Amino acid sequence: VVLLGLEAPQDELVAAFAATAKAPIVKGFAVGRTIFINAAEQWLAGKMSDEEAVADMAARFEQLTEAWLAARGRKAA
């Protein structure tokens, strides 16, 4: 099983990670809009530079990855 983000807010995904942490069938997560929707809206409106958009998306992905690992008692390498 792979948890899908479906444009869910980050806090909801973190809660789902915690709720499924002990379920061995859950193997990962797939997100897209959760990571890029804010940056895309801001960038397309001219309120965010290319560099800011990339940094925003990278930070969101890093936060979700860290939350996934933390829910499973692991740390990033």
PDB file of N, CA and C in Angstrom:
ATOM      1  N   VAL A   1       0.845  -1.170   0.000  1.00  0.00           N
ATOM      2  CA  VAL A   1       0.000   0.000   0.000  1.00  0.00           C
ATOM      3  C   VAL A   1       0.887   1.228   0.000  1.00  0.00           C
ATOM      4  N   VAL A   2       0.535   2.196  -0.837  1.00  0.00           N
ATOM      5  CA  VAL A   2       1.209   3.486  -0.882  1.00  0.00           C
ATOM      6  C   VAL A   2       0.164   4.540  -0.533  1.00  0.00           C
ATOM      7  N   LEU A   3       0.445   5.361   0.456  1.00  0.00           N
ATOM      8  CA  LEU A   3      -0.467   6.432   0.834  1.00  0.00           C
ATOM      9  C   LEU A   3      -0.392   7.536  -0.211  1.00  0.00           C
ATOM     10  N   LEU A   4      -1.547   7.995  -0.675  1.00  0.00           N
ATOM     11  CA  LEU A   4      -1.605   9.064  -1.656  1.00  0.00           C
ATOM     12  C   LEU A   4      -1.918  10.375  -0.958  1.00  0.00           C
ATOM     13  N   GLY A   5      -1.270  11.437  -1.391  1.00  0.00           N
ATOM     14  CA  GLY A   5      -1.469  12.748  -0.787  1.00  0.00           C
ATOM     15  C   GLY A   5      -2.793  13.381  -1.159  1.00  0.00           C
ATOM     16  N   LEU A   6      -3.168  13.293  -2.438  1.00  0.00           N
ATOM     17  CA  LEU A   6      -4.430  13.844  -2.925  1.00  0.00           C
ATOM     18  C   LEU A   6      -4.634  15.287  -2.490  1.00  0.00           C
ATOM     19  N   GLU A   7      -3.568  16.071  -2.527  1.00  0.00           N
ATOM     20  CA  GLU A   7      -3.569  17.488  -2.178  1.00  0.00           C
ATOM     21  C   GLU A   7      -3.931  17.740  -0.713  1.00  0.00           C
ATOM     22  N   ALA A   8      -3.745  16.724   0.135  1.00  0.00           N
ATOM     23  CA  ALA A   8      -4.033  16.883   1.566  1.00  0.00           C
ATOM     24  C   ALA A   8      -3.027  17.839   2.187  1.00  0.00           C
ATOM     25  N   PRO A   9      -3.454  18.578   3.209  1.00  0.00           N
ATOM     26  CA  PRO A   9      -2.506  19.421   3.942  1.00  0.00           C
ATOM     27  C   PRO A   9      -1.424  18.554   4.583  1.00  0.00           C
ATOM     28  N   GLN A  10      -0.276  19.144   4.774  1.00  0.00           N
ATOM     29  CA  GLN A  10       0.861  18.400   5.312  1.00  0.00           C
ATOM     30  C   GLN A  10       0.556  17.774   6.671  1.00  0.00           C
ATOM     31  N   ASP A  11      -0.150  18.476   7.546  1.00  0.00           N
ATOM     32  CA  ASP A  11      -0.434  17.930   8.872  1.00  0.00           C
ATOM     33  C   ASP A  11      -1.304  16.677   8.799  1.00  0.00           C
ATOM     34  N   GLU A  12      -2.193  16.615   7.814  1.00  0.00           N
ATOM     35  CA  GLU A  12      -3.021  15.411   7.640  1.00  0.00           C
ATOM     36  C   GLU A  12      -2.171  14.230   7.172  1.00  0.00           C
ATOM     37  N   LEU A  13      -1.218  14.500   6.300  1.00  0.00           N
ATOM     38  CA  LEU A  13      -0.332  13.425   5.844  1.00  0.00           C
ATOM     39  C   LEU A  13       0.535  12.919   6.982  1.00  0.00           C
ATOM     40  N   VAL A  14       1.042  13.829   7.800  1.00  0.00           N
ATOM     41  CA  VAL A  14       1.859  13.422   8.941  1.00  0.00           C
ATOM     42  C   VAL A  14       1.031  12.552   9.892  1.00  0.00           C
ATOM     43  N   ALA A  15      -0.220  12.915  10.101  1.00  0.00           N
ATOM     44  CA  ALA A  15      -1.110  12.103  10.942  1.00  0.00           C
ATOM     45  C   ALA A  15      -1.342  10.731  10.323  1.00  0.00           C
ATOM     46  N   ALA A  16      -1.499  10.669   9.017  1.00  0.00           N
ATOM     47  CA  ALA A  16      -1.675   9.379   8.335  1.00  0.00           C
ATOM     48  C   ALA A  16      -0.421   8.526   8.442  1.00  0.00           C
ATOM     49  N   PHE A  17       0.744   9.158   8.349  1.00  0.00           N
ATOM     50  CA  PHE A  17       2.001   8.424   8.509  1.00  0.00           C
ATOM     51  C   PHE A  17       2.041   7.769   9.884  1.00  0.00           C
ATOM     52  N   ALA A  18       1.684   8.534  10.903  1.00  0.00           N
ATOM     53  CA  ALA A  18       1.705   8.016  12.280  1.00  0.00           C
ATOM     54  C   ALA A  18       0.670   6.904  12.460  1.00  0.00           C
ATOM     55  N   ALA A  19      -0.509   7.087  11.895  1.00  0.00           N
ATOM     56  CA  ALA A  19      -1.588   6.108  12.051  1.00  0.00           C
ATOM     57  C   ALA A  19      -1.276   4.774  11.384  1.00  0.00           C
ATOM     58  N   THR A  20      -0.445   4.795  10.359  1.00  0.00           N
ATOM     59  CA  THR A  20      -0.146   3.566   9.615  1.00  0.00           C
ATOM     60  C   THR A  20       1.269   3.050   9.865  1.00  0.00           C
ATOM     61  N   ALA A  21       1.952   3.642  10.807  1.00  0.00           N
ATOM     62  CA  ALA A  21       3.366   3.310  11.038  1.00  0.00           C
ATOM     63  C   ALA A  21       3.591   1.834  11.361  1.00  0.00           C
ATOM     64  N   LYS A  22       2.662   1.216  12.031  1.00  0.00           N
ATOM     65  CA  LYS A  22       2.850  -0.176  12.442  1.00  0.00           C
ATOM     66  C   LYS A  22       2.219  -1.179  11.469  1.00  0.00           C
ATOM     67  N   ALA A  23       1.692  -0.679  10.379  1.00  0.00           N
ATOM     68  CA  ALA A  23       1.080  -1.557   9.377  1.00  0.00           C
ATOM     69  C   ALA A  23       2.143  -1.945   8.352  1.00  0.00           C
ATOM     70  N   PRO A  24       2.633  -3.188   8.392  1.00  0.00           N
ATOM     71  CA  PRO A  24       3.720  -3.580   7.495  1.00  0.00           C
ATOM     72  C   PRO A  24       3.357  -3.532   6.016  1.00  0.00           C
ATOM     73  N   ILE A  25       2.084  -3.522   5.706  1.00  0.00           N
ATOM     74  CA  ILE A  25       1.667  -3.479   4.310  1.00  0.00           C
ATOM     75  C   ILE A  25       1.846  -2.093   3.688  1.00  0.00           C
ATOM     76  N   VAL A  26       1.910  -1.052   4.523  1.00  0.00           N
ATOM     77  CA  VAL A  26       2.103   0.318   4.027  1.00  0.00           C
ATOM     78  C   VAL A  26       3.584   0.528   3.768  1.00  0.00           C
ATOM     79  N   LYS A  27       3.935   0.732   2.509  1.00  0.00           N
ATOM     80  CA  LYS A  27       5.341   0.775   2.100  1.00  0.00           C
ATOM     81  C   LYS A  27       5.868   2.164   1.771  1.00  0.00           C
ATOM     82  N   GLY A  28       5.000   3.125   1.555  1.00  0.00           N
ATOM     83  CA  GLY A  28       5.496   4.443   1.192  1.00  0.00           C
ATOM     84  C   GLY A  28       4.378   5.432   0.962  1.00  0.00           C
ATOM     85  N   PHE A  29       4.758   6.578   0.411  1.00  0.00           N
ATOM     86  CA  PHE A  29       3.776   7.607   0.122  1.00  0.00           C
ATOM     87  C   PHE A  29       4.080   8.242  -1.234  1.00  0.00           C
ATOM     88  N   ALA A  30       3.052   8.788  -1.849  1.00  0.00           N
ATOM     89  CA  ALA A  30       3.203   9.483  -3.125  1.00  0.00           C
ATOM     90  C   ALA A  30       2.472  10.816  -3.013  1.00  0.00           C
ATOM     91  N   VAL A  31       3.197  11.871  -3.209  1.00  0.00           N
ATOM     92  CA  VAL A  31       2.605  13.206  -3.111  1.00  0.00           C
ATOM     93  C   VAL A  31       3.081  14.040  -4.290  1.00  0.00           C
ATOM     94  N   GLY A  32       2.302  14.967  -4.652  1.00  0.00           N
ATOM     95  CA  GLY A  32       2.658  15.889  -5.726  1.00  0.00           C
ATOM     96  C   GLY A  32       2.133  17.262  -5.369  1.00  0.00           C
ATOM     97  N   ARG A  33       0.813  17.401  -5.456  1.00  0.00           N
ATOM     98  CA  ARG A  33       0.202  18.705  -5.193  1.00  0.00           C
ATOM     99  C   ARG A  33       0.499  19.213  -3.790  1.00  0.00           C
ATOM    100  N   THR A  34       0.579  18.321  -2.819  1.00  0.00           N
ATOM    101  CA  THR A  34       0.906  18.750  -1.458  1.00  0.00           C
ATOM    102  C   THR A  34       2.245  19.475  -1.443  1.00  0.00           C
ATOM    103  N   ILE A  35       3.141  19.049  -2.299  1.00  0.00           N
ATOM    104  CA  ILE A  35       4.464  19.659  -2.358  1.00  0.00           C
ATOM    105  C   ILE A  35       4.459  20.920  -3.216  1.00  0.00           C
ATOM    106  N   PHE A  36       3.801  20.890  -4.383  1.00  0.00           N
ATOM    107  CA  PHE A  36       3.999  22.000  -5.307  1.00  0.00           C
ATOM    108  C   PHE A  36       2.864  23.003  -5.420  1.00  0.00           C
ATOM    109  N   ILE A  37       1.679  22.746  -4.854  1.00  0.00           N
ATOM    110  CA  ILE A  37       0.545  23.635  -5.108  1.00  0.00           C
ATOM    111  C   ILE A  37       0.805  25.061  -4.624  1.00  0.00           C
ATOM    112  N   ASN A  38       1.344  25.233  -3.433  1.00  0.00           N
ATOM    113  CA  ASN A  38       1.611  26.577  -2.919  1.00  0.00           C
ATOM    114  C   ASN A  38       2.632  27.293  -3.795  1.00  0.00           C
ATOM    115  N   ALA A  39       3.735  26.628  -4.082  1.00  0.00           N
ATOM    116  CA  ALA A  39       4.775  27.244  -4.907  1.00  0.00           C
ATOM    117  C   ALA A  39       4.237  27.571  -6.295  1.00  0.00           C
ATOM    118  N   ALA A  40       3.457  26.685  -6.877  1.00  0.00           N
ATOM    119  CA  ALA A  40       2.921  26.920  -8.216  1.00  0.00           C
ATOM    120  C   ALA A  40       2.004  28.142  -8.239  1.00  0.00           C
ATOM    121  N   GLU A  41       1.116  28.228  -7.265  1.00  0.00           N
ATOM    122  CA  GLU A  41       0.206  29.369  -7.214  1.00  0.00           C
ATOM    123  C   GLU A  41       0.972  30.676  -7.060  1.00  0.00           C
ATOM    124  N   GLN A  42       1.931  30.690  -6.133  1.00  0.00           N
ATOM    125  CA  GLN A  42       2.714  31.896  -5.881  1.00  0.00           C
ATOM    126  C   GLN A  42       3.589  32.258  -7.085  1.00  0.00           C
ATOM    127  N   TRP A  43       4.214  31.269  -7.680  1.00  0.00           N
ATOM    128  CA  TRP A  43       5.099  31.493  -8.823  1.00  0.00           C
ATOM    129  C   TRP A  43       4.321  32.011 -10.030  1.00  0.00           C
ATOM    130  N   LEU A  44       3.188  31.365 -10.319  1.00  0.00           N
ATOM    131  CA  LEU A  44       2.381  31.791 -11.459  1.00  0.00           C
ATOM    132  C   LEU A  44       1.806  33.188 -11.277  1.00  0.00           C
ATOM    133  N   ALA A  45       1.610  33.596 -10.021  1.00  0.00           N
ATOM    134  CA  ALA A  45       1.099  34.942  -9.726  1.00  0.00           C
ATOM    135  C   ALA A  45       2.220  35.977  -9.697  1.00  0.00           C
ATOM    136  N   GLY A  46       3.443  35.534  -9.917  1.00  0.00           N
ATOM    137  CA  GLY A  46       4.579  36.451  -9.900  1.00  0.00           C
ATOM    138  C   GLY A  46       5.001  36.878  -8.513  1.00  0.00           C
ATOM    139  N   LYS A  47       4.565  36.132  -7.498  1.00  0.00           N
ATOM    140  CA  LYS A  47       4.876  36.468  -6.113  1.00  0.00           C
ATOM    141  C   LYS A  47       6.042  35.669  -5.551  1.00  0.00           C
ATOM    142  N   MET A  48       6.598  34.772  -6.373  1.00  0.00           N
ATOM    143  CA  MET A  48       7.688  33.913  -5.928  1.00  0.00           C
ATOM    144  C   MET A  48       8.636  33.721  -7.107  1.00  0.00           C
ATOM    145  N   SER A  49       9.928  33.824  -6.820  1.00  0.00           N
ATOM    146  CA  SER A  49      10.927  33.613  -7.870  1.00  0.00           C
ATOM    147  C   SER A  49      11.112  32.120  -8.131  1.00  0.00           C
ATOM    148  N   ASP A  50      11.823  31.818  -9.208  1.00  0.00           N
ATOM    149  CA  ASP A  50      12.139  30.418  -9.507  1.00  0.00           C
ATOM    150  C   ASP A  50      12.851  29.774  -8.326  1.00  0.00           C
ATOM    151  N   GLU A  51      13.845  30.477  -7.797  1.00  0.00           N
ATOM    152  CA  GLU A  51      14.648  29.940  -6.694  1.00  0.00           C
ATOM    153  C   GLU A  51      13.799  29.723  -5.443  1.00  0.00           C
ATOM    154  N   GLU A  52      12.906  30.666  -5.154  1.00  0.00           N
ATOM    155  CA  GLU A  52      12.024  30.528  -3.987  1.00  0.00           C
ATOM    156  C   GLU A  52      11.066  29.357  -4.166  1.00  0.00           C
ATOM    157  N   ALA A  53      10.560  29.171  -5.370  1.00  0.00           N
ATOM    158  CA  ALA A  53       9.643  28.061  -5.640  1.00  0.00           C
ATOM    159  C   ALA A  53      10.349  26.722  -5.439  1.00  0.00           C
ATOM    160  N   VAL A  54      11.553  26.605  -5.975  1.00  0.00           N
ATOM    161  CA  VAL A  54      12.318  25.366  -5.818  1.00  0.00           C
ATOM    162  C   VAL A  54      12.607  25.115  -4.338  1.00  0.00           C
ATOM    163  N   ALA A  55      13.017  26.153  -3.614  1.00  0.00           N
ATOM    164  CA  ALA A  55      13.318  26.005  -2.188  1.00  0.00           C
ATOM    165  C   ALA A  55      12.073  25.600  -1.395  1.00  0.00           C
ATOM    166  N   ASP A  56      10.930  26.178  -1.732  1.00  0.00           N
ATOM    167  CA  ASP A  56       9.682  25.848  -1.046  1.00  0.00           C
ATOM    168  C   ASP A  56       9.314  24.388  -1.261  1.00  0.00           C
ATOM    169  N   MET A  57       9.378  23.937  -2.516  1.00  0.00           N
ATOM    170  CA  MET A  57       9.034  22.546  -2.818  1.00  0.00           C
ATOM    171  C   MET A  57      10.015  21.574  -2.175  1.00  0.00           C
ATOM    172  N   ALA A  58      11.285  21.901  -2.196  1.00  0.00           N
ATOM    173  CA  ALA A  58      12.298  21.033  -1.578  1.00  0.00           C
ATOM    174  C   ALA A  58      12.074  20.931  -0.078  1.00  0.00           C
ATOM    175  N   ALA A  59      11.753  22.049   0.556  1.00  0.00           N
ATOM    176  CA  ALA A  59      11.518  22.038   2.005  1.00  0.00           C
ATOM    177  C   ALA A  59      10.297  21.192   2.352  1.00  0.00           C
ATOM    178  N   ARG A  60       9.250  21.321   1.577  1.00  0.00           N
ATOM    179  CA  ARG A  60       8.040  20.523   1.844  1.00  0.00           C
ATOM    180  C   ARG A  60       8.314  19.030   1.686  1.00  0.00           C
ATOM    181  N   PHE A  61       9.052  18.666   0.641  1.00  0.00           N
ATOM    182  CA  PHE A  61       9.376  17.256   0.452  1.00  0.00           C
ATOM    183  C   PHE A  61      10.259  16.746   1.591  1.00  0.00           C
ATOM    184  N   GLU A  62      11.223  17.551   2.004  1.00  0.00           N
ATOM    185  CA  GLU A  62      12.103  17.159   3.108  1.00  0.00           C
ATOM    186  C   GLU A  62      11.309  16.973   4.393  1.00  0.00           C
ATOM    187  N   GLN A  63      10.393  17.882   4.677  1.00  0.00           N
ATOM    188  CA  GLN A  63       9.574  17.768   5.890  1.00  0.00           C
ATOM    189  C   GLN A  63       8.729  16.497   5.876  1.00  0.00           C
ATOM    190  N   LEU A  64       8.138  16.180   4.725  1.00  0.00           N
ATOM    191  CA  LEU A  64       7.327  14.962   4.641  1.00  0.00           C
ATOM    192  C   LEU A  64       8.186  13.706   4.761  1.00  0.00           C
ATOM    193  N   THR A  65       9.351  13.727   4.148  1.00  0.00           N
ATOM    194  CA  THR A  65      10.253  12.585   4.248  1.00  0.00           C
ATOM    195  C   THR A  65      10.686  12.366   5.692  1.00  0.00           C
ATOM    196  N   GLU A  66      11.035  13.442   6.373  1.00  0.00           N
ATOM    197  CA  GLU A  66      11.436  13.336   7.776  1.00  0.00           C
ATOM    198  C   GLU A  66      10.285  12.827   8.635  1.00  0.00           C
ATOM    199  N   ALA A  67       9.064  13.289   8.361  1.00  0.00           N
ATOM    200  CA  ALA A  67       7.892  12.824   9.123  1.00  0.00           C
ATOM    201  C   ALA A  67       7.644  11.342   8.879  1.00  0.00           C
ATOM    202  N   TRP A  68       7.791  10.892   7.626  1.00  0.00           N
ATOM    203  CA  TRP A  68       7.630   9.478   7.296  1.00  0.00           C
ATOM    204  C   TRP A  68       8.627   8.632   8.081  1.00  0.00           C
ATOM    205  N   LEU A  69       9.880   9.033   8.035  1.00  0.00           N
ATOM    206  CA  LEU A  69      10.923   8.273   8.735  1.00  0.00           C
ATOM    207  C   LEU A  69      10.716   8.310  10.243  1.00  0.00           C
ATOM    208  N   ALA A  70      10.367   9.460  10.775  1.00  0.00           N
ATOM    209  CA  ALA A  70      10.152   9.593  12.222  1.00  0.00           C
ATOM    210  C   ALA A  70       9.007   8.690  12.688  1.00  0.00           C
ATOM    211  N   ALA A  71       7.950   8.592  11.888  1.00  0.00           N
ATOM    212  CA  ALA A  71       6.807   7.741  12.244  1.00  0.00           C
ATOM    213  C   ALA A  71       7.218   6.278  12.326  1.00  0.00           C
ATOM    214  N   ARG A  72       8.294   5.940  11.627  1.00  0.00           N
ATOM    215  CA  ARG A  72       8.776   4.571  11.616  1.00  0.00           C
ATOM    216  C   ARG A  72      10.033   4.394  12.467  1.00  0.00           C
ATOM    217  N   GLY A  73      10.348   5.424  13.269  1.00  0.00           N
ATOM    218  CA  GLY A  73      11.490   5.333  14.183  1.00  0.00           C
ATOM    219  C   GLY A  73      12.827   5.334  13.494  1.00  0.00           C
ATOM    220  N   ARG A  74      12.911   5.992  12.333  1.00  0.00           N
ATOM    221  CA  ARG A  74      14.159   6.037  11.580  1.00  0.00           C
ATOM    222  C   ARG A  74      14.525   7.483  11.303  1.00  0.00           C
ATOM    223  N   LYS A  75      15.787   7.684  10.915  1.00  0.00           N
ATOM    224  CA  LYS A  75      16.266   9.013  10.548  1.00  0.00           C
ATOM    225  C   LYS A  75      16.826   8.954   9.143  1.00  0.00           C
ATOM    226  N   ALA A  76      16.878  10.106   8.496  1.00  0.00           N
ATOM    227  CA  ALA A  76      17.452  10.196   7.152  1.00  0.00           C
ATOM    228  C   ALA A  76      18.939   9.928   7.230  1.00  0.00           C
ATOM    229  N   ALA A  77      19.480   9.340   6.179  1.00  0.00           N
ATOM    230  CA  ALA A  77      20.902   9.025   6.130  1.00  0.00           C
ATOM    231  C   ALA A  77      21.733  10.274   5.943  1.00  0.00           C
TER     232      ALA A  77
END
